[in-house]
Amino acid sequence: MDRVWAPWRMEYVTNSTGSDGQCFLCVNKEDDEKALVIGRNHNAFVIMNRFPYTNGHVMVVPVRHVGSVVELSDEETLDMMRLVRAMVSVMREEFNVDGLNIGMNIGRAAGAGLEDHCHIHIVPRWFGDTNFMTVVGETRVISEHIFTTYEKLKRRFIAKSP
């Protein structure tokens, strides 16, 4: 297997805290642009996944630091789903996606890289997005810079907001 050197991933791999020792999904509004937050409502927000599976991979996160979906209030759950619905529309309009994977990884055995702050993944999919690089090279190719994608999604999200 070939190796892709990505030393910036080490902090993510070794723990779930940011450089300041805090959970990287606990983002204050004043840090939204730096954290790549696309948009918010009262109880949740949408943030770019810095280690995306495909171009445009985002996460919907409750504002409150909570590790389990069963601990979410009804209001938090509803606000998260409102953002999921909004992002499905944004993805369809901005990226003309062929499909979307939407889900949560609950527990390490299910693939959760961060168990302490629950979140919903939204992964855009296109026919042919699994190509020879993935199959033969065991390498994912992300076709657009994350900051470019962020600007597109944020602009579209803001345009849809009341």
Protein backbone atom coordinates (compact mmCIF):
# COMPACT_ATOMS: atom_id res chain seq x y z
CA MET A 1 0.00 0.00 0.00
CA ASP A 2 1.23 3.50 -0.81
CA ARG A 3 1.41 6.10 1.93
CA VAL A 4 0.24 9.68 1.88
CA TRP A 5 2.12 11.84 4.38
CA ALA A 6 -0.29 14.11 6.25
CA PRO A 7 1.41 15.18 9.50
CA TRP A 8 -1.24 17.83 10.19
CA ARG A 9 -3.67 14.95 10.93
CA MET A 10 -1.74 13.79 14.01
CA GLU A 11 -3.56 16.10 16.43
CA TYR A 12 -6.90 14.78 15.17
CA VAL A 13 -5.79 11.15 15.31
CA THR A 14 -4.32 11.32 18.82
CA ASN A 15 -7.20 13.14 20.53
CA SER A 16 -10.44 14.98 20.03
CA THR A 17 -9.29 18.33 21.33
CA GLY A 18 -8.02 21.33 19.46
CA SER A 19 -4.72 23.08 20.04
CA ASP A 20 -6.25 24.94 23.00
CA GLY A 21 -7.24 21.67 24.72
CA GLN A 22 -10.93 22.16 23.94
CA CYS A 23 -13.22 19.93 21.88
CA PHE A 24 -12.75 20.94 18.24
CA LEU A 25 -16.53 20.86 17.74
CA CYS A 26 -17.19 23.33 20.56
CA VAL A 27 -17.04 26.46 18.41
CA ASN A 28 -17.96 29.95 19.62
CA LYS A 29 -19.75 32.16 17.09
CA GLU A 30 -16.83 34.58 16.92
CA ASP A 31 -14.62 31.71 15.69
CA ASP A 32 -17.01 30.53 12.96
CA GLU A 33 -14.91 31.60 9.98
CA LYS A 34 -11.68 30.16 11.38
CA ALA A 35 -13.46 26.90 12.24
CA LEU A 36 -15.18 26.79 8.82
CA VAL A 37 -18.71 26.98 10.20
CA ILE A 38 -21.13 27.34 7.29
CA GLY A 39 -24.19 28.38 9.28
CA ARG A 40 -26.08 28.16 12.54
CA ASN A 41 -29.47 28.09 14.10
CA HIS A 42 -30.30 28.31 17.81
CA ASN A 43 -29.11 24.85 18.92
CA ALA A 44 -26.85 23.57 16.14
CA PHE A 45 -24.42 24.48 13.38
CA VAL A 46 -22.91 23.12 10.16
CA ILE A 47 -19.13 22.81 9.92
CA MET A 48 -16.78 21.59 7.21
CA ASN A 49 -15.09 18.28 7.88
CA ARG A 50 -11.36 19.10 7.69
CA PHE A 51 -10.62 15.47 6.76
CA PRO A 52 -13.34 14.90 4.16
CA TYR A 53 -14.37 11.64 2.57
CA THR A 54 -15.50 13.57 -0.52
CA ASN A 55 -15.51 17.21 -1.57
CA GLY A 56 -18.12 19.08 0.51
CA HIS A 57 -18.24 16.64 3.45
CA VAL A 58 -19.83 18.56 6.35
CA MET A 59 -21.03 17.81 9.86
CA VAL A 60 -24.13 19.05 11.69
CA VAL A 61 -23.27 19.56 15.35
CA PRO A 62 -25.27 20.49 18.45
CA VAL A 63 -23.98 23.67 20.11
CA ARG A 64 -24.07 21.94 23.47
CA HIS A 65 -21.21 19.51 24.12
CA VAL A 66 -23.11 16.23 24.30
CA GLY A 67 -21.80 12.77 23.51
CA SER A 68 -24.95 10.79 22.89
CA VAL A 69 -27.89 11.24 20.59
CA VAL A 70 -30.19 10.07 23.40
CA GLU A 71 -29.01 13.02 25.53
CA LEU A 72 -30.13 15.58 22.93
CA SER A 73 -33.21 17.62 23.76
CA ASP A 74 -36.11 17.62 21.32
CA GLU A 75 -35.20 21.19 20.35
CA GLU A 76 -31.57 20.24 19.66
CA THR A 77 -32.64 17.25 17.60
CA LEU A 78 -35.10 19.34 15.58
CA ASP A 79 -32.55 22.10 14.97
CA MET A 80 -29.97 19.56 13.81
CA MET A 81 -32.45 18.01 11.38
CA ARG A 82 -33.45 21.46 10.09
CA LEU A 83 -29.80 22.03 9.22
CA VAL A 84 -29.50 18.59 7.62
CA ARG A 85 -32.51 19.43 5.45
CA ALA A 86 -31.06 22.83 4.54
CA MET A 87 -27.69 21.33 3.62
CA VAL A 88 -29.31 18.66 1.43
CA SER A 89 -30.88 21.51 -0.54
CA VAL A 90 -27.61 23.47 -0.62
CA MET A 91 -25.64 20.41 -1.83
CA ARG A 92 -28.15 19.68 -4.58
CA GLU A 93 -28.12 23.27 -5.80
CA GLU A 94 -24.41 24.05 -5.47
CA PHE A 95 -22.85 20.71 -6.42
CA ASN A 96 -25.57 18.94 -8.41
CA VAL A 97 -24.95 15.80 -6.35
CA ASP A 98 -26.15 12.39 -7.47
CA GLY A 99 -26.75 11.32 -3.89
CA LEU A 100 -25.86 11.94 -0.25
CA ASN A 101 -24.76 9.76 2.65
CA ILE A 102 -26.18 11.10 5.91
CA GLY A 103 -25.46 9.46 9.24
CA MET A 104 -23.90 9.26 12.67
CA ASN A 105 -21.10 7.04 13.94
CA ILE A 106 -22.00 6.17 17.52
CA GLY A 107 -19.20 4.48 19.45
CA ARG A 108 -15.65 3.55 18.41
CA ALA A 109 -16.79 0.19 17.03
CA ALA A 110 -19.05 2.09 14.60
CA GLY A 111 -16.19 4.29 13.44
CA ALA A 112 -16.67 7.32 15.67
CA GLY A 113 -13.44 9.31 15.73
CA LEU A 114 -14.96 11.64 18.31
CA GLU A 115 -17.30 10.07 20.83
CA ASP A 116 -17.68 13.04 23.19
CA HIS A 117 -19.58 15.43 20.88
CA CYS A 118 -22.21 13.77 18.69
CA HIS A 119 -22.61 14.97 15.11
CA ILE A 120 -24.26 14.05 11.83
CA HIS A 121 -22.14 13.57 8.71
CA ILE A 122 -23.40 14.70 5.32
CA VAL A 123 -21.26 13.29 2.51
CA PRO A 124 -22.04 14.35 -1.08
CA ARG A 125 -21.79 11.56 -3.65
CA TRP A 126 -21.51 11.50 -7.43
CA PHE A 127 -21.54 8.64 -9.88
CA GLY A 128 -17.88 7.84 -10.48
CA ASP A 129 -16.54 9.45 -7.28
CA THR A 130 -14.92 6.12 -6.47
CA ASN A 131 -12.36 5.95 -9.24
CA PHE A 132 -9.09 4.17 -9.90
CA MET A 133 -7.24 6.20 -7.26
CA THR A 134 -9.56 4.87 -4.56
CA VAL A 135 -9.76 1.34 -5.88
CA VAL A 136 -6.17 0.80 -7.03
CA GLY A 137 -4.22 3.43 -5.12
CA GLU A 138 -6.22 3.28 -1.89
CA THR A 139 -6.15 7.09 -2.01
CA ARG A 140 -9.01 9.61 -2.03
CA VAL A 141 -8.75 12.61 -4.33
CA ILE A 142 -10.56 15.73 -3.14
CA SER A 143 -11.08 17.85 -6.24
CA GLU A 144 -11.43 21.30 -4.71
CA HIS A 145 -9.63 23.21 -1.97
CA ILE A 146 -11.57 23.14 1.30
CA PHE A 147 -11.63 26.96 1.55
CA THR A 148 -13.16 27.24 -1.93
CA THR A 149 -15.81 24.67 -1.03
CA TYR A 150 -16.47 26.47 2.25
CA GLU A 151 -17.08 29.79 0.51
CA LYS A 152 -19.47 28.20 -2.00
CA LEU A 153 -21.48 26.37 0.65
CA LYS A 154 -21.59 29.33 3.01
CA ARG A 155 -22.72 31.71 0.26
CA ARG A 156 -25.48 29.30 -0.80
CA PHE A 157 -26.51 28.65 2.84
CA ILE A 158 -26.76 32.38 3.59
CA ALA A 159 -28.79 32.95 0.42
CA LYS A 160 -31.32 30.34 1.61
CA SER A 161 -31.56 31.71 5.16
CA PRO A 162 -34.48 34.05 6.04
